[in-house]
Protein backbone atom coordinates (compact mmCIF):
# COMPACT_ATOMS: atom_id res chain seq x y z
CA MET A 1 15.67 -25.22 -5.73
CA SER A 2 18.30 -24.17 -8.23
CA LEU A 3 20.17 -26.10 -10.84
CA SER A 4 23.03 -26.44 -8.39
CA THR A 5 20.85 -28.85 -6.38
CA LEU A 6 19.65 -30.71 -9.47
CA PRO A 7 22.04 -33.50 -10.56
CA GLN A 8 23.51 -33.09 -14.02
CA SER A 9 22.60 -35.47 -16.79
CA PRO A 10 25.14 -38.30 -17.19
CA VAL A 11 25.23 -37.51 -20.93
CA LEU A 12 25.57 -33.72 -20.52
CA ALA A 13 28.98 -33.77 -22.25
CA GLY A 14 27.24 -34.93 -25.41
CA TRP A 15 25.88 -31.44 -26.15
CA GLN A 16 27.67 -29.11 -23.75
CA GLY A 17 29.57 -26.41 -25.60
CA GLN A 18 28.76 -27.53 -29.15
CA GLY A 19 25.13 -28.59 -28.92
CA VAL A 20 23.62 -31.90 -29.98
CA ARG A 21 24.81 -33.30 -33.30
CA TRP A 22 21.42 -34.51 -34.44
CA ASP A 23 21.44 -37.16 -37.16
CA GLU A 24 18.59 -37.45 -39.62
CA ALA A 25 17.27 -40.73 -38.20
CA CYS A 26 16.96 -39.19 -34.73
CA LEU A 27 15.22 -36.08 -36.04
CA GLN A 28 12.74 -38.24 -37.92
CA LYS A 29 11.88 -40.14 -34.75
CA LEU A 30 11.29 -36.84 -33.00
CA ARG A 31 8.96 -35.81 -35.87
CA LEU A 32 10.35 -32.29 -36.07
CA THR A 33 9.41 -30.07 -38.99
CA PRO A 34 12.18 -28.34 -40.99
CA GLN A 35 11.29 -25.06 -39.29
CA GLU A 36 11.53 -26.68 -35.84
CA LYS A 37 14.91 -28.20 -36.73
CA ARG A 38 16.26 -24.79 -37.71
CA ALA A 39 14.91 -23.20 -34.53
CA LEU A 40 16.52 -25.90 -32.42
CA THR A 41 19.84 -25.44 -34.18
CA ALA A 42 19.65 -21.67 -33.67
CA VAL A 43 19.07 -22.16 -29.92
CA GLU A 44 22.32 -24.10 -29.67
CA ALA A 45 24.21 -21.37 -31.52
CA ASN A 46 23.23 -18.59 -29.06
CA PRO A 47 23.22 -18.06 -25.28
CA ILE A 48 19.91 -18.98 -23.65
CA ASP A 49 19.19 -15.44 -22.43
CA TYR A 50 19.51 -14.19 -26.02
CA THR A 51 16.83 -16.66 -27.15
CA LEU A 52 14.53 -15.57 -24.34
CA ASN A 53 14.67 -11.85 -25.10
CA ASN A 54 11.52 -12.05 -27.22
CA SER A 55 8.31 -13.45 -25.73
CA GLU A 56 7.11 -15.02 -29.01
CA ASP A 57 10.48 -16.67 -29.67
CA ALA A 58 10.66 -17.90 -26.08
CA ALA A 59 7.19 -19.46 -26.27
CA ALA A 60 7.95 -21.08 -29.62
CA ILE A 61 11.25 -22.65 -28.55
CA CYS A 62 9.69 -23.98 -25.34
CA ARG A 63 6.99 -25.73 -27.35
CA ILE A 64 9.65 -27.30 -29.56
CA VAL A 65 11.70 -28.52 -26.60
CA LEU A 66 8.55 -29.92 -24.98
CA LYS A 67 7.79 -31.71 -28.24
CA VAL A 68 11.27 -33.27 -28.20
CA LEU A 69 10.60 -34.39 -24.63
CA SER A 70 7.22 -35.84 -25.56
CA GLU A 71 8.43 -37.76 -28.62
CA SER A 72 11.55 -39.09 -26.90
CA ASN A 73 9.39 -40.67 -24.18
CA ALA A 74 6.64 -42.00 -26.40
CA SER A 75 7.67 -45.60 -25.63
CA GLY A 76 8.60 -45.23 -21.96
CA PRO A 77 12.03 -44.84 -20.32
CA SER A 78 15.08 -45.24 -22.53
CA SER A 79 16.88 -48.57 -22.59
CA ARG A 80 20.32 -47.28 -21.64
CA VAL A 81 20.57 -43.60 -20.70
CA SER A 82 17.94 -43.89 -17.94
CA ARG A 83 20.09 -46.52 -16.22
CA LEU A 84 23.34 -44.57 -16.21
CA SER A 85 24.64 -43.63 -12.78
CA GLY A 86 27.93 -41.87 -13.55
CA SER A 87 28.82 -39.06 -15.97
CA LEU A 88 30.13 -40.04 -19.40
CA SER A 89 32.97 -38.35 -21.24
CA GLN A 90 32.19 -36.30 -24.36
CA ILE A 91 33.17 -39.17 -26.66
CA GLU A 92 31.13 -41.69 -24.66
CA ALA A 93 28.13 -39.36 -24.50
CA ARG A 94 28.14 -38.82 -28.27
CA GLN A 95 28.44 -42.53 -28.83
CA MET A 96 25.39 -42.89 -26.61
CA LEU A 97 23.49 -40.59 -28.97
CA THR A 98 23.88 -43.30 -31.59
CA ALA A 99 23.20 -46.18 -29.20
CA ASP A 100 20.20 -44.60 -27.44
CA PRO A 101 19.12 -41.45 -29.33
CA MET A 102 15.76 -41.13 -27.54
CA GLY A 103 17.39 -41.34 -24.12
CA VAL A 104 19.89 -38.60 -24.94
CA SER A 105 17.13 -36.50 -26.51
CA CYS A 106 15.06 -36.79 -23.34
CA HIS A 107 17.94 -35.63 -21.15
CA TYR A 108 18.74 -32.81 -23.56
CA ALA A 109 15.14 -31.57 -23.46
CA VAL A 110 14.95 -31.71 -19.65
CA SER A 111 18.29 -29.91 -19.28
CA LYS A 112 17.27 -27.24 -21.77
CA LEU A 113 13.92 -26.68 -20.04
CA CYS A 114 15.67 -26.33 -16.67
CA ASP A 115 17.99 -23.73 -18.22
CA ILE A 116 15.00 -21.86 -19.63
CA VAL A 117 13.03 -21.89 -16.37
CA LEU A 118 16.01 -20.74 -14.34
CA CYS A 119 16.80 -17.97 -16.80
CA LEU A 120 13.18 -16.74 -16.73
CA LYS A 121 13.17 -16.78 -12.94
CA GLU A 122 16.25 -14.59 -12.84
CA LYS A 123 14.81 -11.91 -15.11
CA LYS A 124 14.06 -8.59 -13.45
CA ALA A 125 10.55 -7.67 -12.37
CA GLY A 126 8.60 -6.07 -15.19
CA SER A 127 10.33 -8.06 -17.93
CA ALA A 128 8.22 -8.73 -21.01
CA VAL A 129 9.33 -12.37 -21.01
CA THR A 130 8.24 -14.41 -18.00
CA ILE A 131 7.30 -17.97 -17.19
CA GLY A 132 3.69 -16.83 -17.52
CA SER A 133 4.13 -15.35 -21.00
CA THR A 134 6.18 -18.37 -22.11
CA PHE A 135 4.14 -21.32 -20.82
CA TYR A 136 0.66 -19.78 -20.75
CA SER A 137 -1.40 -18.70 -23.76
CA ASP A 138 -4.31 -16.30 -23.21
CA GLY A 139 -3.94 -17.00 -19.50
CA ASN A 140 -4.21 -20.78 -19.86
CA LEU A 141 -1.44 -23.32 -19.42
CA ILE A 142 -0.31 -24.69 -22.78
CA ASP A 143 -1.24 -28.33 -23.50
CA GLU A 144 2.38 -29.29 -24.07
CA TRP A 145 2.87 -29.44 -20.26
CA ARG A 146 1.71 -33.08 -20.42
CA ALA A 147 5.13 -34.06 -21.72
CA LEU A 148 6.52 -33.24 -18.27
CA LEU A 149 3.86 -35.35 -16.58
CA ARG A 150 4.66 -38.28 -18.87
CA VAL A 151 8.28 -38.16 -17.72
CA LEU A 152 7.21 -38.29 -14.07
CA HIS A 153 5.22 -41.43 -14.68
CA LEU A 154 7.75 -43.34 -16.74
CA GLY A 155 7.36 -47.09 -16.43
CA GLY A 156 9.81 -49.48 -14.82
CA SER A 157 12.35 -47.85 -12.54
CA GLY A 158 11.91 -44.52 -14.35
CA ASP A 159 14.69 -42.04 -15.07
CA ALA A 160 15.92 -40.26 -11.94
CA PHE A 161 17.49 -37.25 -13.67
CA ALA A 162 14.60 -36.71 -16.08
CA GLN A 163 11.99 -37.04 -13.33
CA ARG A 164 13.68 -34.60 -10.98
CA GLY A 165 14.20 -32.07 -13.74
CA ALA A 166 10.64 -32.42 -15.01
CA ALA A 167 9.27 -31.98 -11.47
CA TYR A 168 11.36 -28.84 -10.98
CA CYS A 169 10.14 -27.35 -14.26
CA LEU A 170 6.49 -28.25 -13.75
CA ALA A 171 6.45 -26.89 -10.18
CA SER A 172 8.03 -23.64 -11.35
CA ILE A 173 5.54 -23.29 -14.20
CA LEU A 174 2.54 -23.94 -11.94
CA MET A 175 3.72 -21.43 -9.35
CA ALA A 176 3.36 -18.74 -12.01
CA ALA A 177 -0.42 -19.23 -11.74
CA CYS A 178 -0.43 -18.19 -8.07
CA PRO A 179 -1.74 -14.67 -7.37
CA SER A 180 1.19 -14.19 -4.98
CA GLN A 181 3.54 -14.59 -7.95
CA GLN A 182 1.67 -12.11 -10.15
CA SER A 183 2.60 -8.84 -8.51
CA GLY A 184 2.36 -5.48 -10.19
CA ALA A 185 0.33 -4.67 -13.27
CA ARG A 186 -1.26 -7.74 -14.83
CA THR A 187 -1.40 -7.79 -18.60
CA LYS A 188 -3.00 -10.35 -20.85
CA GLU A 189 0.38 -11.94 -21.46
CA HIS A 190 1.19 -12.20 -17.75
CA ASP A 191 -2.27 -13.13 -16.43
CA CYS A 192 -2.18 -16.88 -15.70
CA SER A 193 -5.35 -18.75 -14.82
CA SER A 194 -5.08 -20.81 -11.66
CA ARG A 195 -7.96 -22.96 -12.93
CA SER A 196 -5.88 -24.21 -15.85
CA ALA A 197 -3.18 -25.27 -13.36
CA GLU A 198 -5.48 -27.41 -11.20
CA GLU A 199 -5.19 -30.64 -13.20
CA PRO A 200 -1.39 -30.59 -13.55
CA LEU A 201 -1.11 -29.57 -9.90
CA GLN A 202 -3.04 -32.62 -8.76
CA ALA A 203 -0.89 -34.81 -10.99
CA LEU A 204 2.34 -33.29 -9.72
CA ILE A 205 1.34 -33.62 -6.06
CA SER A 206 0.37 -37.24 -6.65
CA TRP A 207 3.87 -37.93 -7.95
CA ILE A 208 5.62 -35.93 -5.21
CA THR A 209 3.74 -37.73 -2.45
CA SER A 210 4.71 -41.08 -3.93
CA GLN A 211 8.34 -39.93 -3.84
CA LEU A 212 7.97 -38.92 -0.19
CA GLN A 213 7.75 -42.63 0.61
CA SER A 214 11.39 -42.93 -0.40
CA PHE A 215 14.03 -41.90 2.16
CA ASP A 216 16.48 -40.93 -0.61
CA GLU A 217 13.97 -38.60 -2.26
CA LEU A 218 12.54 -37.10 0.94
CA PRO A 219 14.52 -33.80 1.07
CA ARG A 220 13.96 -32.89 -2.61
CA SER A 221 10.32 -34.00 -2.63
CA THR A 222 9.59 -32.13 0.59
CA TYR A 223 10.99 -28.93 -0.90
CA ARG A 224 8.80 -29.28 -4.00
CA PHE A 225 5.77 -29.99 -1.82
CA PHE A 226 6.49 -26.96 0.36
CA GLN A 227 7.00 -24.66 -2.63
CA LEU A 228 3.48 -25.53 -3.79
CA TRP A 229 1.84 -25.42 -0.35
CA ARG A 230 3.29 -22.05 0.64
CA ASN A 231 1.26 -20.44 -2.17
CA ARG A 232 -2.18 -20.12 -0.67
CA ILE A 233 -4.08 -20.85 -3.83
CA LEU A 234 -2.47 -24.27 -3.94
CA ILE A 235 -3.16 -25.24 -0.35
CA PRO A 236 -6.51 -27.05 -0.64
CA PRO A 237 -5.43 -29.79 -3.10
CA SER A 238 -2.15 -30.40 -1.35
CA ALA A 239 -3.78 -30.50 2.07
CA GLN A 240 -5.96 -33.37 0.83
CA SER A 241 -2.98 -35.41 -0.32
CA GLU A 242 -0.97 -38.00 1.54
CA GLY A 243 2.21 -35.97 1.29
CA TRP A 244 1.81 -33.90 4.44
CA PRO A 245 1.99 -36.82 6.94
CA GLN A 246 5.18 -38.06 5.30
CA ILE A 247 6.86 -34.72 5.93
CA HIS A 248 6.39 -34.53 9.69
CA ARG A 249 6.88 -38.27 10.23
CA ASN A 250 10.31 -37.98 8.69
CA CYS A 251 11.19 -34.49 9.87
CA ALA A 252 14.22 -35.71 11.82
CA THR A 253 15.98 -36.93 8.67
CA ASP A 254 16.88 -33.63 7.03
CA VAL A 255 17.28 -29.99 8.07
CA ARG A 256 15.37 -28.81 5.00
CA THR A 257 12.44 -31.01 5.96
CA VAL A 258 12.32 -29.53 9.46
CA PHE A 259 12.48 -26.07 7.95
CA CYS A 260 9.49 -26.83 5.72
CA LEU A 261 7.49 -28.02 8.72
CA TRP A 262 8.38 -24.84 10.60
CA ALA A 263 7.43 -22.62 7.65
CA LEU A 264 4.04 -24.30 7.30
CA THR A 265 3.17 -23.50 10.93
CA TYR A 266 2.83 -19.85 9.86
CA GLU A 267 -0.14 -20.86 7.67
CA CYS A 268 -2.14 -22.13 10.67
CA ASN A 269 -3.72 -18.78 11.57
CA GLY A 270 -5.22 -18.47 8.12
CA SER A 271 -6.53 -21.99 7.60
CA TRP A 272 -8.61 -24.28 9.82
CA SER A 273 -7.80 -27.13 7.43
CA ILE A 274 -4.07 -26.77 8.07
CA ARG A 275 -4.56 -26.44 11.84
CA ASN A 276 -6.65 -29.59 11.78
CA THR A 277 -4.04 -31.42 9.71
CA PHE A 278 -1.27 -30.53 12.17
CA HIS A 279 -3.40 -31.82 15.04
CA ARG A 280 -4.80 -34.88 13.26
CA ASP A 281 -1.40 -36.18 12.19
CA ASN A 282 0.37 -35.51 15.51
CA ALA A 283 2.86 -33.00 14.15
CA VAL A 284 3.46 -31.80 17.71
CA ASN A 285 4.64 -35.28 18.63
CA SER A 286 7.25 -35.20 15.85
CA LEU A 287 8.51 -31.77 16.91
CA VAL A 288 8.72 -32.74 20.58
CA ASP A 289 10.67 -35.87 19.61
CA LEU A 290 13.16 -33.60 17.84
CA VAL A 291 13.56 -31.41 20.91
CA SER A 292 13.90 -34.34 23.32
CA SER A 293 16.44 -36.19 21.18
CA ALA A 294 18.79 -33.18 21.37
CA PRO A 295 20.08 -33.16 17.77
CA ARG A 296 22.06 -30.30 16.23
CA GLU A 297 21.34 -26.85 17.67
CA LYS A 298 19.95 -25.53 14.38
CA VAL A 299 17.33 -28.32 14.37
CA VAL A 300 16.40 -27.59 18.00
CA ARG A 301 16.01 -23.91 17.18
CA VAL A 302 13.65 -24.57 14.26
CA ALA A 303 11.64 -27.18 16.19
CA LEU A 304 11.18 -24.85 19.20
CA SER A 305 10.15 -22.00 16.93
CA ALA A 306 7.56 -24.23 15.24
CA LEU A 307 6.16 -25.31 18.61
CA ARG A 308 5.97 -21.69 19.76
CA THR A 309 4.07 -20.69 16.61
CA LEU A 310 1.59 -23.52 17.10
CA ALA A 311 1.14 -22.68 20.78
CA GLN A 312 0.25 -19.07 19.93
CA CYS A 313 -1.95 -19.60 16.87
CA ASP A 314 -5.61 -18.55 16.90
CA ALA A 315 -8.73 -18.96 14.79
CA GLU A 316 -9.68 -15.29 14.41
CA ASN A 317 -8.99 -15.18 10.66
CA SER A 318 -10.19 -18.70 9.92
CA PRO A 319 -13.09 -19.88 12.08
CA CYS A 320 -14.02 -23.51 12.45
CA PRO A 321 -16.46 -24.92 9.85
CA ALA A 322 -19.90 -25.82 11.18
CA GLY A 323 -19.95 -29.16 12.91
CA LYS A 324 -16.14 -29.39 13.19
CA ARG A 325 -13.91 -29.17 16.25
CA GLU A 326 -12.11 -25.88 16.75
CA ILE A 327 -8.33 -26.18 16.72
CA THR A 328 -6.34 -23.37 18.37
CA GLY A 329 -3.12 -22.85 20.26
CA SER A 330 -4.77 -24.37 23.37
CA THR A 331 -5.28 -27.59 21.45
CA TYR A 332 -1.61 -27.78 20.55
CA LEU A 333 -0.59 -26.87 24.11
CA SER A 334 -2.58 -29.85 25.37
CA ASP A 335 -0.79 -32.01 22.83
CA MET A 336 2.57 -30.62 24.00
CA ILE A 337 1.75 -31.32 27.64
CA GLY A 338 0.67 -34.81 26.70
CA CYS A 339 4.03 -35.35 24.99
CA GLY A 340 5.91 -34.26 28.11
CA LEU A 341 7.26 -31.04 26.60
CA ILE A 342 7.07 -29.23 29.97
CA LYS A 343 9.78 -31.49 31.37
CA TYR A 344 12.05 -30.97 28.35
CA VAL A 345 11.56 -27.20 28.34
CA ASP A 346 12.29 -27.00 32.09
CA GLN A 347 15.50 -28.96 31.55
CA MET A 348 16.56 -26.92 28.53
CA LYS A 349 16.08 -23.62 30.36
CA GLU A 350 18.83 -24.70 32.74
CA ARG A 351 21.32 -25.09 29.89
CA HIS A 352 23.51 -22.30 28.55
CA TRP A 353 22.41 -21.32 25.05
CA THR A 354 24.24 -18.86 22.82
CA ASP A 355 21.39 -18.51 20.33
CA PRO A 356 19.02 -15.70 21.47
CA ASP A 357 16.14 -17.20 19.45
CA ILE A 358 16.33 -20.45 21.42
CA ILE A 359 16.40 -18.53 24.72
CA ASP A 360 13.37 -16.46 23.70
CA ASP A 361 11.38 -19.46 22.43
CA LEU A 362 12.13 -21.46 25.59
CA SER A 363 10.98 -18.54 27.75
CA VAL A 364 7.68 -18.19 25.89
CA LEU A 365 7.01 -21.94 25.79
CA HIS A 366 7.81 -22.28 29.49
CA ARG A 367 5.31 -19.56 30.35
CA VAL A 368 2.40 -20.70 28.14
CA LEU A 369 2.87 -24.38 28.94
CA HIS A 370 2.78 -23.82 32.71
CA GLU A 371 -0.17 -21.42 32.42
CA ASN A 372 -2.12 -23.93 30.37
CA PHE A 373 -1.14 -26.77 32.69
CA LYS A 374 -2.64 -24.93 35.66
CA GLU A 375 -5.96 -24.57 33.82
CA MET A 376 -6.13 -28.24 32.83
CA THR A 377 -7.83 -30.80 35.05
CA ARG A 378 -6.01 -34.02 35.88
CA TRP A 379 -8.23 -35.79 33.36
CA ASP A 380 -7.33 -33.26 30.65
CA VAL A 381 -3.64 -33.97 31.23
CA TYR A 382 -4.23 -37.74 31.25
CA PHE A 383 -6.28 -37.61 28.06
CA ALA A 384 -3.60 -35.56 26.28
CA GLU A 385 -0.93 -38.00 27.43
CA VAL A 386 -2.85 -41.04 26.17
CA GLN A 387 -3.81 -39.34 22.93
CA GLN A 388 -0.17 -38.57 22.19
CA GLY A 389 0.95 -42.05 23.21
CA GLN A 390 3.49 -40.57 25.64
CA LEU A 391 2.69 -42.44 28.87
CA ALA A 392 4.98 -41.92 31.87
CA TRP A 393 4.65 -43.26 35.41
CA GLY A 394 3.22 -40.77 37.87
CA HIS A 395 0.12 -39.79 39.82
CA LEU A 396 -2.05 -40.15 36.70
CA HIS A 397 -1.44 -43.90 36.76
CA SER A 398 -2.60 -44.70 40.24
CA GLU A 399 -5.57 -46.32 42.00
CA ARG A 400 -6.74 -42.93 43.33
CA PHE A 401 -6.81 -41.35 39.86
CA PHE A 402 -8.91 -44.16 38.43
CA LYS A 403 -11.35 -44.07 41.34
CA GLU A 404 -11.88 -40.32 40.88
CA ASN A 405 -12.12 -40.31 37.08
CA ILE A 406 -13.46 -43.71 36.09
CA ARG A 407 -16.65 -42.33 34.49
CA GLN A 408 -14.55 -40.11 32.24
CA PHE A 409 -13.40 -43.23 30.39
CA GLU A 410 -16.87 -43.52 28.85
CA GLY A 411 -16.14 -40.47 26.70
CA PRO A 412 -18.67 -37.83 25.58
CA ASN A 413 -20.06 -40.22 22.98
CA GLY A 414 -20.05 -43.30 25.18
CA ASP A 415 -17.59 -45.04 22.86
CA PHE A 416 -14.78 -45.57 25.41
CA TYR A 417 -12.34 -43.84 23.09
CA VAL A 418 -9.57 -43.61 25.71
CA VAL A 419 -9.83 -47.34 26.41
CA LYS A 420 -9.43 -48.02 22.71
CA LEU A 421 -6.29 -45.87 22.69
CA LEU A 422 -4.90 -47.79 25.67
CA VAL A 423 -5.49 -51.07 23.87
CA ALA A 424 -3.60 -49.72 20.86
CA LEU A 425 -0.73 -48.56 23.09
CA THR A 426 -0.12 -52.09 24.32
CA ALA A 427 1.46 -52.59 20.88
CA SER A 428 3.75 -49.54 21.24
CA ASN A 429 7.44 -49.80 20.42
CA ASP A 430 8.20 -48.38 23.87
CA GLU A 431 8.11 -51.13 26.52
CA GLU A 432 7.43 -48.65 29.34
CA VAL A 433 4.42 -47.30 27.44
CA GLN A 434 3.22 -50.88 26.97
CA SER A 435 3.61 -51.56 30.70
CA ILE A 436 1.66 -48.44 31.70
CA ALA A 437 -1.07 -49.20 29.15
CA CYS A 438 -1.44 -52.68 30.66
CA TYR A 439 -1.65 -51.19 34.16
CA ASP A 440 -4.27 -48.63 33.11
CA LEU A 441 -6.39 -51.26 31.36
CA GLY A 442 -6.28 -53.39 34.51
CA GLU A 443 -7.34 -50.44 36.66
CA PHE A 444 -10.18 -49.59 34.26
CA VAL A 445 -11.43 -53.18 34.44
CA ARG A 446 -11.20 -53.14 38.23
CA HIS A 447 -13.06 -49.86 38.83
CA TYR A 448 -15.58 -49.55 35.98
CA PRO A 449 -18.85 -51.47 36.26
CA ASN A 450 -18.76 -54.31 33.73
CA GLY A 451 -15.28 -53.16 32.74
CA ARG A 452 -14.21 -56.73 32.05
CA ALA A 453 -16.82 -57.20 29.32
CA ILE A 454 -15.98 -53.84 27.74
CA ALA A 455 -12.25 -54.62 27.72
CA ARG A 456 -12.89 -58.00 26.14
CA SER A 457 -15.14 -56.50 23.46
CA LEU A 458 -12.33 -54.10 22.52
CA GLY A 459 -9.84 -56.95 22.18
CA ALA A 460 -7.81 -56.02 25.25
CA LYS A 461 -7.60 -59.53 26.70
CA ASP A 462 -6.19 -61.15 23.55
CA ILE A 463 -3.60 -58.43 22.98
CA VAL A 464 -2.40 -58.22 26.57
CA MET A 465 -2.26 -62.03 26.86
CA LYS A 466 0.47 -62.05 24.19
CA LEU A 467 2.64 -59.89 26.45
CA VAL A 468 2.61 -62.38 29.33
CA ASP A 469 5.62 -64.15 27.77
CA HIS A 470 7.45 -60.94 26.86
CA PRO A 471 11.22 -61.04 27.57
CA ASN A 472 10.98 -57.76 29.52
CA LYS A 473 10.16 -58.90 33.06
CA GLU A 474 8.56 -55.59 34.07
CA LEU A 475 6.25 -55.60 31.05
CA GLN A 476 5.54 -59.28 31.63
CA ARG A 477 4.53 -58.55 35.23
CA HIS A 478 2.15 -55.72 34.30
CA ALA A 479 0.61 -57.76 31.48
CA LEU A 480 -0.04 -60.69 33.81
CA THR A 481 -1.51 -58.41 36.47
CA ALA A 482 -3.83 -56.84 33.87
CA ILE A 483 -4.94 -60.26 32.62
CA SER A 484 -5.61 -61.30 36.20
CA LYS A 485 -7.84 -58.26 36.75
CA MET A 486 -9.70 -59.02 33.51
CA MET A 487 -10.44 -62.61 34.58
CA VAL A 488 -10.82 -62.54 38.35
CA MET A 489 -14.23 -61.44 39.60
CA ASN A 490 -12.98 -60.30 43.00
CA TRP A 491 -9.56 -58.69 42.72
CA ALA A 492 -9.25 -58.75 46.49
CA VAL A 493 -8.42 -62.43 46.01
CA ARG A 494 -5.01 -62.22 44.31
CA ILE A 495 -2.84 -64.88 42.75
CA PRO A 496 0.81 -64.80 43.84
CA LEU A 497 2.69 -63.52 40.81
CA GLU A 498 5.68 -65.76 41.31
CA ILE A 499 3.30 -68.75 40.92
CA SER A 500 1.15 -67.27 38.17
CA MET A 501 4.07 -66.29 35.95
CA SER A 502 5.16 -69.90 35.72
CA LEU A 503 1.80 -71.05 34.43
CA SER A 504 0.79 -71.45 30.81
CA GLU A 505 -2.36 -69.81 29.45
CA PRO A 506 -4.65 -72.88 29.89
CA ASN A 507 -3.39 -73.38 33.44
CA LEU A 508 -3.94 -69.71 34.16
CA ASN A 509 -7.60 -70.08 33.20
CA ILE A 510 -7.96 -73.11 35.46
CA SER A 511 -6.34 -71.34 38.40
CA TRP A 512 -8.48 -68.22 38.01
CA GLN A 513 -11.63 -70.29 37.67
CA ALA A 514 -10.69 -72.13 40.83
CA VAL A 515 -10.19 -68.84 42.67
CA ASN A 516 -13.57 -67.58 41.44
């Protein structure tokens, strides 16, 4: 992220070009010492890169600006500036300094810190003045960083500009503690302790993940999240947060979000935790949805590339922890088959693509998917389909399949996990999936010994009964058939559907009891 993607403060005109015209009352509220006042005035009189030529001066001015930020937010968000939506003219902005001095001071401090961070980032490698030498002392993050955290957690509706700017600055400062950012010779001034960044990192991720709940903030928050996650030292805390699921669940909303998901797939080989997170939160499902919905070509290209990377990942460099399930490319391939990716890839290979990357990815996916499909049993394919919630009519949903595989529904732990998934799928948003789930539950009840009691104990009867009056006639028919199988002892004695569908629930019970 650069300042070009960070909105400008609505009161920027109040100090742009001539600096802030601080009055004495405002300076007293900010509790600045005479020396700090002079330093702040000197900063406004010179270009920012001139101020940052000396490491001691740079560190000192940053502490002063952070103090301004801290004092200006001592009582929460400002009463007026935080609510501004449009930019003010220079006259209006300077009038606002009188009306809401703490609000203007907050925006000034955030803008100045963003300028400082960006300037430090642009300095050449080997420079004596870096983010590390400016915001870290003896390798430890300076305590003044808490002013940035306070801005993120402003009460009420907060301050959009201040929060985004503070998040950008804090993320940039914390990244300096990553070993991957500390290339070359490490001196005392440049050596930043990752341990001192752990607390602010957790706080920042907590705020970012809360922002991921908002559609408007999703692209910016995803980028911040990705910038932290891509640095390996920061992976464990972020992997434990709630931010990751929000990224892939909303990956169709923004190209940058899809890009972040793709980039994170390259971390799978080196981390079982990340592989497990991709599998646990059905990231494959999100990517297949992107491919099947045929959005812009650039999105298809990134989604296919991400799927290819997942399909080819291995656990050689990051074995599975003891007692945990191993997650490899084969796991993701099963997920892809369960989502129906084979059909989409076969169809896409017939299209004319101009992008060589898409052609190459389709070729690889076509090969590995069909190879893996040949090795999978019919039950493996069925299980993957149910697990992904992507049910489609076919030979897997037939009387013969259930007769041959009925004992598989018990599961390795005897917990009837697949039956539980089928019960959950009767509440799917896809009416065809609901219909197939009803059919499968009916077939399970019919072929498994004591299947009726098991289905009832899992709540299948009550949930399916609600679908008997569904406006979709096909779903209504399958729901009624499933209920009939759950309640009739001998399914060879069938109730004519055209009669049954006209009956209410109490009458249905009477009719079935009479048949029994």
